[in-house]
PDB file of N, CA and C in Angstrom:
ATOM      1  N   UNK A   1       0.830  -1.190   0.000  1.00  0.00           N
ATOM      2  CA  UNK A   1       0.000   0.000   0.000  1.00  0.00           C
ATOM      3  C   UNK A   1       0.872   1.250   0.000  1.00  0.00           C
ATOM      4  N   UNK A   2       1.932   1.238   0.829  1.00  0.00           N
ATOM      5  CA  UNK A   2       2.814   2.395   0.901  1.00  0.00           C
ATOM      6  C   UNK A   2       3.533   2.620  -0.428  1.00  0.00           C
ATOM      7  N   UNK A   3       3.937   1.531  -1.077  1.00  0.00           N
ATOM      8  CA  UNK A   3       4.628   1.655  -2.368  1.00  0.00           C
ATOM      9  C   UNK A   3       3.708   2.278  -3.415  1.00  0.00           C
ATOM     10  N   UNK A   4       2.445   1.905  -3.400  1.00  0.00           N
ATOM     11  CA  UNK A   4       1.490   2.478  -4.347  1.00  0.00           C
ATOM     12  C   UNK A   4       1.323   3.976  -4.102  1.00  0.00           C
ATOM     13  N   UNK A   5       1.230   4.380  -2.837  1.00  0.00           N
ATOM     14  CA  UNK A   5       1.107   5.801  -2.516  1.00  0.00           C
ATOM     15  C   UNK A   5       2.357   6.564  -2.935  1.00  0.00           C
ATOM     16  N   UNK A   6       3.516   5.934  -2.749  1.00  0.00           N
ATOM     17  CA  UNK A   6       4.767   6.584  -3.123  1.00  0.00           C
ATOM     18  C   UNK A   6       4.857   6.740  -4.643  1.00  0.00           C
ATOM     19  N   UNK A   7       4.424   5.723  -5.396  1.00  0.00           N
ATOM     20  CA  UNK A   7       4.427   5.815  -6.855  1.00  0.00           C
ATOM     21  C   UNK A   7       3.488   6.916  -7.325  1.00  0.00           C
ATOM     22  N   UNK A   8       2.325   7.030  -6.691  1.00  0.00           N
ATOM     23  CA  UNK A   8       1.385   8.080  -7.064  1.00  0.00           C
ATOM     24  C   UNK A   8       1.964   9.451  -6.756  1.00  0.00           C
ATOM     25  N   UNK A   9       2.661   9.580  -5.642  1.00  0.00           N
ATOM     26  CA  UNK A   9       3.280  10.857  -5.292  1.00  0.00           C
ATOM     27  C   UNK A   9       4.356  11.222  -6.309  1.00  0.00           C
ATOM     28  N   UNK A  10       5.141  10.231  -6.728  1.00  0.00           N
ATOM     29  CA  UNK A  10       6.172  10.489  -7.735  1.00  0.00           C
ATOM     30  C   UNK A  10       5.549  10.860  -9.070  1.00  0.00           C
ATOM     31  N   UNK A  11       4.439  10.231  -9.420  1.00  0.00           N
ATOM     32  CA  UNK A  11       3.768  10.529 -10.686  1.00  0.00           C
ATOM     33  C   UNK A  11       3.251  11.958 -10.699  1.00  0.00           C
ATOM     34  N   UNK A  12       2.607  12.385  -9.624  1.00  0.00           N
ATOM     35  CA  UNK A  12       2.082  13.748  -9.591  1.00  0.00           C
ATOM     36  C   UNK A  12       3.217  14.756  -9.538  1.00  0.00           C
ATOM     37  N   UNK A  13       4.329  14.402  -8.925  1.00  0.00           N
ATOM     38  CA  UNK A  13       5.467  15.312  -8.860  1.00  0.00           C
ATOM     39  C   UNK A  13       6.070  15.527 -10.240  1.00  0.00           C
ATOM     40  N   UNK A  14       6.109  14.478 -11.060  1.00  0.00           N
ATOM     41  CA  UNK A  14       6.698  14.607 -12.391  1.00  0.00           C
ATOM     42  C   UNK A  14       5.840  15.470 -13.309  1.00  0.00           C
ATOM     43  N   UNK A  15       4.553  15.620 -13.020  1.00  0.00           N
ATOM     44  CA  UNK A  15       3.672  16.435 -13.843  1.00  0.00           C
ATOM     45  C   UNK A  15       3.963  17.931 -13.677  1.00  0.00           C
ATOM     46  N   UNK A  16       4.691  18.312 -12.622  1.00  0.00           N
ATOM     47  CA  UNK A  16       4.957  19.721 -12.383  1.00  0.00           C
ATOM     48  C   UNK A  16       6.019  20.271 -13.328  1.00  0.00           C
ATOM     49  N   UNK A  17       6.814  19.402 -13.925  1.00  0.00           N
ATOM     50  CA  UNK A  17       7.831  19.851 -14.856  1.00  0.00           C
ATOM     51  C   UNK A  17       7.182  20.201 -16.186  1.00  0.00           C
ATOM     52  N   UNK A  18       7.499  21.377 -16.739  1.00  0.00           N
ATOM     53  CA  UNK A  18       6.885  21.741 -18.015  1.00  0.00           C
ATOM     54  C   UNK A  18       7.380  20.844 -19.139  1.00  0.00           C
ATOM     55  N   UNK A  19       6.468  20.418 -19.984  1.00  0.00           N
ATOM     56  CA  UNK A  19       6.862  19.588 -21.110  1.00  0.00           C
ATOM     57  C   UNK A  19       7.220  20.485 -22.283  1.00  0.00           C
ATOM     58  N   UNK A  20       8.116  19.996 -23.115  1.00  0.00           N
ATOM     59  CA  UNK A  20       8.516  20.767 -24.284  1.00  0.00           C
ATOM     60  C   UNK A  20       7.460  20.627 -25.364  1.00  0.00           C
ATOM     61  N   UNK A  21       7.046  21.748 -25.904  1.00  0.00           N
ATOM     62  CA  UNK A  21       6.016  21.764 -26.938  1.00  0.00           C
ATOM     63  C   UNK A  21       6.639  22.347 -28.195  1.00  0.00           C
ATOM     64  N   UNK A  22       6.311  21.757 -29.320  1.00  0.00           N
ATOM     65  CA  UNK A  22       6.799  22.203 -30.616  1.00  0.00           C
ATOM     66  C   UNK A  22       6.447  23.681 -30.827  1.00  0.00           C
ATOM     67  N   UNK A  23       7.403  24.508 -31.246  1.00  0.00           N
ATOM     68  CA  UNK A  23       7.119  25.934 -31.459  1.00  0.00           C
ATOM     69  C   UNK A  23       6.000  26.204 -32.463  1.00  0.00           C
ATOM     70  N   UNK A  24       5.835  25.340 -33.459  1.00  0.00           N
ATOM     71  CA  UNK A  24       4.734  25.550 -34.408  1.00  0.00           C
ATOM     72  C   UNK A  24       3.385  25.324 -33.734  1.00  0.00           C
ATOM     73  N   UNK A  25       3.339  24.412 -32.776  1.00  0.00           N
ATOM     74  CA  UNK A  25       2.102  24.172 -32.019  1.00  0.00           C
ATOM     75  C   UNK A  25       1.802  25.381 -31.133  1.00  0.00           C
ATOM     76  N   UNK A  26       2.839  25.941 -30.509  1.00  0.00           N
ATOM     77  CA  UNK A  26       2.645  27.135 -29.677  1.00  0.00           C
ATOM     78  C   UNK A  26       2.165  28.301 -30.536  1.00  0.00           C
ATOM     79  N   UNK A  27       2.743  28.455 -31.709  1.00  0.00           N
ATOM     80  CA  UNK A  27       2.339  29.528 -32.622  1.00  0.00           C
ATOM     81  C   UNK A  27       0.875  29.362 -33.031  1.00  0.00           C
ATOM     82  N   UNK A  28       0.477  28.134 -33.352  1.00  0.00           N
ATOM     83  CA  UNK A  28      -0.917  27.871 -33.732  1.00  0.00           C
ATOM     84  C   UNK A  28      -1.849  28.115 -32.549  1.00  0.00           C
ATOM     85  N   UNK A  29      -1.425  27.705 -31.346  1.00  0.00           N
ATOM     86  CA  UNK A  29      -2.240  27.920 -30.148  1.00  0.00           C
ATOM     87  C   UNK A  29      -2.402  29.410 -29.862  1.00  0.00           C
ATOM     88  N   UNK A  30      -1.341  30.180 -30.052  1.00  0.00           N
ATOM     89  CA  UNK A  30      -1.455  31.621 -29.818  1.00  0.00           C
ATOM     90  C   UNK A  30      -2.380  32.269 -30.847  1.00  0.00           C
ATOM     91  N   UNK A  31      -2.338  31.793 -32.070  1.00  0.00           N
ATOM     92  CA  UNK A  31      -3.246  32.312 -33.099  1.00  0.00           C
ATOM     93  C   UNK A  31      -4.705  32.008 -32.729  1.00  0.00           C
ATOM     94  N   UNK A  32      -4.957  30.788 -32.257  1.00  0.00           N
ATOM     95  CA  UNK A  32      -6.309  30.402 -31.830  1.00  0.00           C
ATOM     96  C   UNK A  32      -6.765  31.279 -30.666  1.00  0.00           C
ATOM     97  N   UNK A  33      -5.882  31.456 -29.675  1.00  0.00           N
ATOM     98  CA  UNK A  33      -6.245  32.237 -28.492  1.00  0.00           C
ATOM     99  C   UNK A  33      -6.518  33.700 -28.839  1.00  0.00           C
ATOM    100  N   UNK A  34      -5.630  34.326 -29.588  1.00  0.00           N
ATOM    101  CA  UNK A  34      -5.801  35.749 -29.895  1.00  0.00           C
ATOM    102  C   UNK A  34      -6.977  35.994 -30.836  1.00  0.00           C
ATOM    103  N   UNK A  35      -7.257  35.069 -31.730  1.00  0.00           N
ATOM    104  CA  UNK A  35      -8.451  35.187 -32.571  1.00  0.00           C
ATOM    105  C   UNK A  35      -9.708  35.107 -31.713  1.00  0.00           C
ATOM    106  N   UNK A  36      -9.712  34.179 -30.754  1.00  0.00           N
ATOM    107  CA  UNK A  36     -10.855  34.043 -29.852  1.00  0.00           C
ATOM    108  C   UNK A  36     -11.037  35.314 -29.026  1.00  0.00           C
ATOM    109  N   UNK A  37      -9.926  35.913 -28.581  1.00  0.00           N
ATOM    110  CA  UNK A  37     -10.006  37.141 -27.780  1.00  0.00           C
ATOM    111  C   UNK A  37     -10.540  38.317 -28.592  1.00  0.00           C
ATOM    112  N   UNK A  38     -10.227  38.353 -29.877  1.00  0.00           N
ATOM    113  CA  UNK A  38     -10.755  39.427 -30.725  1.00  0.00           C
ATOM    114  C   UNK A  38     -12.267  39.314 -30.880  1.00  0.00           C
ATOM    115  N   UNK A  39     -12.749  38.086 -30.988  1.00  0.00           N
ATOM    116  CA  UNK A  39     -14.186  37.863 -31.161  1.00  0.00           C
ATOM    117  C   UNK A  39     -14.929  37.994 -29.831  1.00  0.00           C
ATOM    118  N   UNK A  40     -14.300  37.547 -28.747  1.00  0.00           N
ATOM    119  CA  UNK A  40     -14.915  37.561 -27.411  1.00  0.00           C
ATOM    120  C   UNK A  40     -14.006  38.322 -26.444  1.00  0.00           C
ATOM    121  N   UNK A  41     -13.977  39.644 -26.473  1.00  0.00           N
ATOM    122  CA  UNK A  41     -13.054  40.403 -25.617  1.00  0.00           C
ATOM    123  C   UNK A  41     -13.334  40.251 -24.121  1.00  0.00           C
ATOM    124  N   UNK A  42     -14.508  39.801 -23.763  1.00  0.00           N
ATOM    125  CA  UNK A  42     -14.847  39.644 -22.341  1.00  0.00           C
ATOM    126  C   UNK A  42     -14.101  38.492 -21.669  1.00  0.00           C
ATOM    127  N   UNK A  43     -13.472  37.597 -22.427  1.00  0.00           N
ATOM    128  CA  UNK A  43     -12.793  36.442 -21.824  1.00  0.00           C
ATOM    129  C   UNK A  43     -11.303  36.674 -21.603  1.00  0.00           C
ATOM    130  N   UNK A  44     -10.776  37.811 -21.986  1.00  0.00           N
ATOM    131  CA  UNK A  44      -9.338  38.051 -21.878  1.00  0.00           C
ATOM    132  C   UNK A  44      -8.896  37.854 -20.434  1.00  0.00           C
ATOM    133  N   UNK A  45      -7.926  36.979 -20.225  1.00  0.00           N
ATOM    134  CA  UNK A  45      -7.402  36.696 -18.900  1.00  0.00           C
ATOM    135  C   UNK A  45      -8.141  35.614 -18.143  1.00  0.00           C
ATOM    136  N   UNK A  46      -9.267  35.138 -18.638  1.00  0.00           N
ATOM    137  CA  UNK A  46     -10.038  34.109 -17.942  1.00  0.00           C
ATOM    138  C   UNK A  46      -9.687  32.700 -18.399  1.00  0.00           C
ATOM    139  N   UNK A  47      -9.099  32.558 -19.559  1.00  0.00           N
ATOM    140  CA  UNK A  47      -8.758  31.236 -20.090  1.00  0.00           C
ATOM    141  C   UNK A  47      -7.506  30.703 -19.397  1.00  0.00           C
ATOM    142  N   UNK A  48      -7.379  29.376 -19.379  1.00  0.00           N
ATOM    143  CA  UNK A  48      -6.173  28.763 -18.820  1.00  0.00           C
ATOM    144  C   UNK A  48      -5.202  28.342 -19.908  1.00  0.00           C
ATOM    145  N   UNK A  49      -5.674  28.228 -21.143  1.00  0.00           N
ATOM    146  CA  UNK A  49      -4.794  27.842 -22.237  1.00  0.00           C
ATOM    147  C   UNK A  49      -5.578  27.336 -23.425  1.00  0.00           C
ATOM    148  N   UNK A  50      -4.875  26.583 -24.276  1.00  0.00           N
ATOM    149  CA  UNK A  50      -5.477  26.049 -25.495  1.00  0.00           C
ATOM    150  C   UNK A  50      -5.162  24.563 -25.589  1.00  0.00           C
ATOM    151  N   UNK A  51      -6.189  23.757 -25.834  1.00  0.00           N
ATOM    152  CA  UNK A  51      -6.000  22.339 -26.159  1.00  0.00           C
ATOM    153  C   UNK A  51      -5.908  22.261 -27.673  1.00  0.00           C
ATOM    154  N   UNK A  52      -4.814  21.683 -28.173  1.00  0.00           N
ATOM    155  CA  UNK A  52      -4.566  21.717 -29.609  1.00  0.00           C
ATOM    156  C   UNK A  52      -4.046  20.370 -30.097  1.00  0.00           C
ATOM    157  N   UNK A  53      -4.465  19.996 -31.283  1.00  0.00           N
ATOM    158  CA  UNK A  53      -4.004  18.751 -31.898  1.00  0.00           C
ATOM    159  C   UNK A  53      -2.595  18.957 -32.440  1.00  0.00           C
ATOM    160  N   UNK A  54      -1.687  18.049 -32.112  1.00  0.00           N
ATOM    161  CA  UNK A  54      -0.318  18.124 -32.627  1.00  0.00           C
ATOM    162  C   UNK A  54      -0.264  17.837 -34.117  1.00  0.00           C
ATOM    163  N   UNK A  55      -1.294  17.169 -34.653  1.00  0.00           N
ATOM    164  CA  UNK A  55      -1.315  16.763 -36.055  1.00  0.00           C
ATOM    165  C   UNK A  55      -1.946  17.839 -36.934  1.00  0.00           C
ATOM    166  N   UNK A  56      -3.153  18.272 -36.586  1.00  0.00           N
ATOM    167  CA  UNK A  56      -3.899  19.198 -37.445  1.00  0.00           C
ATOM    168  C   UNK A  56      -3.764  20.663 -37.033  1.00  0.00           C
ATOM    169  N   UNK A  57      -3.251  20.911 -35.831  1.00  0.00           N
ATOM    170  CA  UNK A  57      -3.121  22.259 -35.262  1.00  0.00           C
ATOM    171  C   UNK A  57      -4.473  22.946 -35.092  1.00  0.00           C
ATOM    172  N   UNK A  58      -5.522  22.163 -34.958  1.00  0.00           N
ATOM    173  CA  UNK A  58      -6.840  22.702 -34.616  1.00  0.00           C
ATOM    174  C   UNK A  58      -6.988  22.613 -33.108  1.00  0.00           C
ATOM    175  N   UNK A  59      -7.601  23.623 -32.506  1.00  0.00           N
ATOM    176  CA  UNK A  59      -7.715  23.611 -31.060  1.00  0.00           C
ATOM    177  C   UNK A  59      -8.862  24.448 -30.550  1.00  0.00           C
ATOM    178  N   UNK A  60      -8.996  24.430 -29.225  1.00  0.00           N
ATOM    179  CA  UNK A  60     -10.057  25.177 -28.549  1.00  0.00           C
ATOM    180  C   UNK A  60      -9.473  25.856 -27.322  1.00  0.00           C
ATOM    181  N   UNK A  61     -10.010  27.026 -27.018  1.00  0.00           N
ATOM    182  CA  UNK A  61      -9.626  27.741 -25.810  1.00  0.00           C
ATOM    183  C   UNK A  61     -10.238  27.012 -24.621  1.00  0.00           C
ATOM    184  N   UNK A  62      -9.437  26.820 -23.576  1.00  0.00           N
ATOM    185  CA  UNK A  62      -9.854  26.053 -22.398  1.00  0.00           C
ATOM    186  C   UNK A  62      -9.947  26.991 -21.193  1.00  0.00           C
ATOM    187  N   UNK A  63     -10.969  26.770 -20.370  1.00  0.00           N
ATOM    188  CA  UNK A  63     -11.199  27.610 -19.202  1.00  0.00           C
ATOM    189  C   UNK A  63     -11.071  26.846 -17.889  1.00  0.00           C
ATOM    190  N   UNK A  64     -10.877  25.538 -17.941  1.00  0.00           N
ATOM    191  CA  UNK A  64     -10.747  24.741 -16.721  1.00  0.00           C
ATOM    192  C   UNK A  64      -9.276  24.545 -16.380  1.00  0.00           C
ATOM    193  N   UNK A  65      -9.012  24.252 -15.121  1.00  0.00           N
ATOM    194  CA  UNK A  65      -7.628  24.090 -14.672  1.00  0.00           C
ATOM    195  C   UNK A  65      -7.015  22.784 -15.169  1.00  0.00           C
ATOM    196  N   UNK A  66      -7.801  21.715 -15.227  1.00  0.00           N
ATOM    197  CA  UNK A  66      -7.300  20.406 -15.651  1.00  0.00           C
ATOM    198  C   UNK A  66      -8.108  19.917 -16.853  1.00  0.00           C
ATOM    199  N   UNK A  67      -7.677  20.240 -18.060  1.00  0.00           N
ATOM    200  CA  UNK A  67      -8.440  19.838 -19.247  1.00  0.00           C
ATOM    201  C   UNK A  67      -8.305  18.348 -19.541  1.00  0.00           C
ATOM    202  N   UNK A  68      -9.318  17.797 -20.145  1.00  0.00           N
ATOM    203  CA  UNK A  68      -9.288  16.412 -20.613  1.00  0.00           C
ATOM    204  C   UNK A  68      -8.900  16.458 -22.083  1.00  0.00           C
ATOM    205  N   UNK A  69      -7.834  15.723 -22.428  1.00  0.00           N
ATOM    206  CA  UNK A  69      -7.292  15.789 -23.780  1.00  0.00           C
ATOM    207  C   UNK A  69      -7.431  14.468 -24.510  1.00  0.00           C
ATOM    208  N   UNK A  70      -7.562  14.553 -25.809  1.00  0.00           N
ATOM    209  CA  UNK A  70      -7.513  13.370 -26.665  1.00  0.00           C
ATOM    210  C   UNK A  70      -6.052  12.945 -26.815  1.00  0.00           C
ATOM    211  N   UNK A  71      -5.788  11.703 -27.225  1.00  0.00           N
ATOM    212  CA  UNK A  71      -4.400  11.225 -27.306  1.00  0.00           C
ATOM    213  C   UNK A  71      -3.480  12.076 -28.191  1.00  0.00           C
ATOM    214  N   UNK A  72      -3.990  12.649 -29.266  1.00  0.00           N
ATOM    215  CA  UNK A  72      -3.138  13.425 -30.161  1.00  0.00           C
ATOM    216  C   UNK A  72      -3.061  14.901 -29.767  1.00  0.00           C
ATOM    217  N   UNK A  73      -3.725  15.289 -28.684  1.00  0.00           N
ATOM    218  CA  UNK A  73      -3.755  16.686 -28.266  1.00  0.00           C
ATOM    219  C   UNK A  73      -2.725  16.976 -27.184  1.00  0.00           C
ATOM    220  N   UNK A  74      -2.360  18.235 -27.090  1.00  0.00           N
ATOM    221  CA  UNK A  74      -1.553  18.703 -25.972  1.00  0.00           C
ATOM    222  C   UNK A  74      -2.171  20.006 -25.467  1.00  0.00           C
ATOM    223  N   UNK A  75      -1.817  20.373 -24.252  1.00  0.00           N
ATOM    224  CA  UNK A  75      -2.343  21.589 -23.647  1.00  0.00           C
ATOM    225  C   UNK A  75      -1.232  22.627 -23.611  1.00  0.00           C
ATOM    226  N   UNK A  76      -1.507  23.798 -24.158  1.00  0.00           N
ATOM    227  CA  UNK A  76      -0.555  24.906 -24.124  1.00  0.00           C
ATOM    228  C   UNK A  76      -1.103  25.927 -23.136  1.00  0.00           C
ATOM    229  N   UNK A  77      -0.439  26.086 -21.971  1.00  0.00           N
ATOM    230  CA  UNK A  77      -0.943  27.025 -20.974  1.00  0.00           C
ATOM    231  C   UNK A  77      -0.853  28.471 -21.461  1.00  0.00           C
ATOM    232  N   UNK A  78      -1.710  29.303 -20.917  1.00  0.00           N
ATOM    233  CA  UNK A  78      -1.783  30.698 -21.330  1.00  0.00           C
ATOM    234  C   UNK A  78      -0.460  31.428 -21.103  1.00  0.00           C
ATOM    235  N   UNK A  79       0.219  31.140 -19.993  1.00  0.00           N
ATOM    236  CA  UNK A  79       1.488  31.830 -19.738  1.00  0.00           C
ATOM    237  C   UNK A  79       2.542  31.482 -20.792  1.00  0.00           C
ATOM    238  N   UNK A  80       2.497  30.272 -21.330  1.00  0.00           N
ATOM    239  CA  UNK A  80       3.435  29.897 -22.384  1.00  0.00           C
ATOM    240  C   UNK A  80       3.068  30.576 -23.708  1.00  0.00           C
ATOM    241  N   UNK A  81       1.791  30.739 -23.964  1.00  0.00           N
ATOM    242  CA  UNK A  81       1.343  31.443 -25.174  1.00  0.00           C
ATOM    243  C   UNK A  81       1.773  32.905 -25.109  1.00  0.00           C
ATOM    244  N   UNK A  82       1.569  33.538 -23.954  1.00  0.00           N
ATOM    245  CA  UNK A  82       1.914  34.949 -23.811  1.00  0.00           C
ATOM    246  C   UNK A  82       3.419  35.176 -23.845  1.00  0.00           C
ATOM    247  N   UNK A  83       4.197  34.287 -23.246  1.00  0.00           N
ATOM    248  CA  UNK A  83       5.653  34.463 -23.242  1.00  0.00           C
ATOM    249  C   UNK A  83       6.254  34.204 -24.615  1.00  0.00           C
ATOM    250  N   UNK A  84       5.588  33.404 -25.434  1.00  0.00           N
ATOM    251  CA  UNK A  84       6.095  33.112 -26.773  1.00  0.00           C
ATOM    252  C   UNK A  84       6.017  34.342 -27.667  1.00  0.00           C
ATOM    253  N   UNK A  85       5.091  35.234 -27.379  1.00  0.00           N
ATOM    254  CA  UNK A  85       4.909  36.426 -28.208  1.00  0.00           C
ATOM    255  C   UNK A  85       6.031  37.437 -28.002  1.00  0.00           C
ATOM    256  N   UNK A  86       6.739  37.360 -26.882  1.00  0.00           N
ATOM    257  CA  UNK A  86       7.767  38.372 -26.587  1.00  0.00           C
ATOM    258  C   UNK A  86       9.137  37.889 -26.852  1.00  0.00           C
TER     259      UNK A  86
END
């Protein structure tokens, strides 16, 4: 039982490290986010990021803290989208 708890603790700890995301995916995610902000200015700053397909570069703006992703998708957090622009 203790080993299982320790493995779970190690698993959640490894999730805190940022994963490397392809720059083209970040660029596509920023385009999706900023286009959404132009159409819906009331959401600026409320989103947590963009869930985007690594294959098709189609995505959606996400507002929840822990998004559910499809196998081919990745999550690009808002802070990474904003820092990529500078």
